[in-house]
Amino acid sequence: MSLNLTTICPGLITGHEFSYRNPTATIAYLKGAQEMYANGLLATVDVRRLAEAHVSVFEAMKTTTAFGRYICFDRIIQCEDEAETLADEIGIPRNKISGNSSDYVFPNCFELSNKKLANLTSRTLRSCYGES
């Protein structure tokens, strides 16, 4: 018997009223929001995009093309306007995300990449929620 294991590591999951229906996960993720924002690592992913990624990885596991960890995000919060938009979407004060920073541009010490997942999903080309 063999065991194939893959992991999808999502950014903050967003979507229509997602944070209101699942506030515990949202609050837990945002405990480190100010540090992630300052380092250019505060990423989000729409719940539908995450579902599509799960389906793609599952299908790829059947042919052993999928392996390891996949980072899944569709947006990185990089400025005050984006932080304010996200705060409005999830119903929290903006300073919980960006702290008391102004429009200071933080140097990116790190860079997130979802290239591995993008390569996999481009091969499967399947939408799980009927959108093109």
Protein backbone atom coordinates (compact mmCIF):
# COMPACT_ATOMS: atom_id res chain seq x y z
CA MET A 1 0.00 0.00 0.00
CA SER A 2 1.36 3.41 -0.93
CA LEU A 3 0.35 6.77 0.42
CA ASN A 4 0.34 9.91 -1.70
CA LEU A 5 0.17 13.12 0.27
CA THR A 6 -0.15 16.66 -1.01
CA THR A 7 -0.91 19.81 0.91
CA ILE A 8 -2.49 23.06 -0.21
CA CYS A 9 -1.41 26.04 1.90
CA PRO A 10 -3.92 28.82 1.21
CA GLY A 11 -3.69 32.51 1.91
CA LEU A 12 -6.50 34.14 3.86
CA ILE A 13 -9.66 32.62 2.42
CA THR A 14 -12.06 35.25 1.12
CA GLY A 15 -15.24 35.24 -0.90
CA HIS A 16 -18.84 36.31 -0.65
CA GLU A 17 -19.53 36.47 3.11
CA PHE A 18 -16.91 33.75 3.75
CA SER A 19 -15.36 35.52 6.76
CA TYR A 20 -18.80 36.07 8.30
CA ARG A 21 -19.63 32.37 8.00
CA ASN A 22 -16.17 31.24 9.19
CA PRO A 23 -14.93 33.98 11.54
CA THR A 24 -12.68 31.70 13.61
CA ALA A 25 -10.39 30.80 10.70
CA THR A 26 -10.26 34.41 9.54
CA ILE A 27 -9.37 35.75 12.98
CA ALA A 28 -6.75 33.04 13.52
CA TYR A 29 -5.08 33.83 10.19
CA LEU A 30 -5.06 37.56 10.88
CA LYS A 31 -3.20 37.26 14.21
CA GLY A 32 0.02 37.80 12.26
CA ALA A 33 -1.49 40.13 9.66
CA GLN A 34 0.54 43.23 10.48
CA GLU A 35 3.84 41.37 10.24
CA MET A 36 2.77 39.57 7.04
CA TYR A 37 1.62 42.88 5.54
CA ALA A 38 4.90 44.60 6.48
CA ASN A 39 6.87 41.79 4.81
CA GLY A 40 4.70 41.68 1.67
CA LEU A 41 3.35 38.24 2.60
CA LEU A 42 -0.32 38.92 3.37
CA ALA A 43 -1.98 36.86 0.66
CA THR A 44 -5.64 36.06 0.04
CA VAL A 45 -7.46 33.51 -2.06
CA ASP A 46 -11.09 33.39 -3.13
CA VAL A 47 -12.84 30.31 -1.77
CA ARG A 48 -13.88 29.28 -5.31
CA ARG A 49 -10.27 29.45 -6.53
CA LEU A 50 -9.21 27.32 -3.55
CA ALA A 51 -11.89 24.74 -4.34
CA GLU A 52 -10.67 24.62 -7.94
CA ALA A 53 -7.11 24.09 -6.70
CA HIS A 54 -8.20 21.18 -4.50
CA VAL A 55 -9.93 19.50 -7.43
CA SER A 56 -6.91 20.01 -9.69
CA VAL A 57 -4.49 18.59 -7.14
CA PHE A 58 -6.78 15.62 -6.44
CA GLU A 59 -7.08 14.83 -10.15
CA ALA A 60 -3.34 15.18 -10.66
CA MET A 61 -2.68 12.79 -7.76
CA LYS A 62 -4.35 10.03 -9.79
CA THR A 63 -1.53 10.27 -12.31
CA THR A 64 1.13 10.98 -9.66
CA THR A 65 1.85 14.41 -11.14
CA ALA A 66 0.93 16.13 -7.89
CA PHE A 67 3.28 15.97 -4.93
CA GLY A 68 4.40 18.03 -1.96
CA ARG A 69 3.07 21.41 -0.93
CA TYR A 70 1.21 23.97 -3.02
CA ILE A 71 0.86 27.62 -2.05
CA CYS A 72 -2.52 28.96 -3.17
CA PHE A 73 -3.31 32.67 -3.40
CA ASP A 74 -4.70 35.08 -5.94
CA ARG A 75 -3.81 38.43 -4.38
CA ILE A 76 -1.09 39.91 -2.15
CA ILE A 77 -2.05 42.92 -0.05
CA GLN A 78 0.69 45.47 -0.72
CA CYS A 79 -0.68 48.95 -0.01
CA GLU A 80 -3.03 50.83 2.30
CA ASP A 81 -5.85 50.88 -0.28
CA GLU A 82 -5.71 47.10 -0.64
CA ALA A 83 -5.57 46.70 3.16
CA GLU A 84 -8.62 48.93 3.51
CA THR A 85 -10.52 47.00 0.83
CA LEU A 86 -9.71 43.70 2.55
CA ALA A 87 -10.70 45.11 5.96
CA ASP A 88 -14.05 46.19 4.51
CA GLU A 89 -14.57 42.77 2.91
CA ILE A 90 -14.03 40.90 6.15
CA GLY A 91 -15.51 43.48 8.51
CA ILE A 92 -12.53 44.47 10.66
CA PRO A 93 -10.71 47.77 11.26
CA ARG A 94 -7.97 48.52 8.72
CA ASN A 95 -5.34 48.93 11.44
CA LYS A 96 -5.75 45.23 12.34
CA ILE A 97 -4.18 44.52 8.95
CA SER A 98 -1.72 47.33 8.35
CA GLY A 99 -1.16 48.66 11.85
CA ASN A 100 -0.50 52.37 12.08
CA SER A 101 1.62 52.48 8.95
CA SER A 102 1.07 55.21 6.41
CA ASP A 103 1.70 54.75 2.71
CA TYR A 104 5.28 53.73 3.48
CA VAL A 105 6.47 51.14 1.00
CA PHE A 106 8.04 48.22 2.82
CA PRO A 107 10.98 46.48 1.19
CA ASN A 108 10.02 42.97 0.15
CA CYS A 109 12.42 40.61 1.88
CA PHE A 110 10.40 37.61 0.78
CA GLU A 111 8.48 36.68 -2.33
CA LEU A 112 5.49 34.36 -2.42
CA SER A 113 5.09 32.15 -5.44
CA ASN A 114 2.21 29.97 -6.54
CA LYS A 115 3.98 28.91 -9.73
CA LYS A 116 3.97 25.21 -8.82
CA LEU A 117 0.17 25.25 -8.38
CA ALA A 118 -0.33 27.42 -11.49
CA ASN A 119 1.63 24.91 -13.58
CA LEU A 120 -0.46 22.05 -12.23
CA THR A 121 -3.82 23.78 -12.71
CA SER A 122 -2.95 24.89 -16.23
CA ARG A 123 -2.44 21.22 -17.12
CA THR A 124 -5.80 20.10 -15.71
CA LEU A 125 -7.79 23.06 -17.11
CA ARG A 126 -10.96 22.19 -15.25
CA SER A 127 -13.29 24.55 -13.50
CA CYS A 128 -15.23 23.14 -10.57
CA TYR A 129 -17.77 25.93 -10.31
CA GLY A 130 -18.95 26.42 -13.87
CA GLU A 131 -17.06 29.61 -14.66
CA SER A 132 -14.89 30.07 -17.71
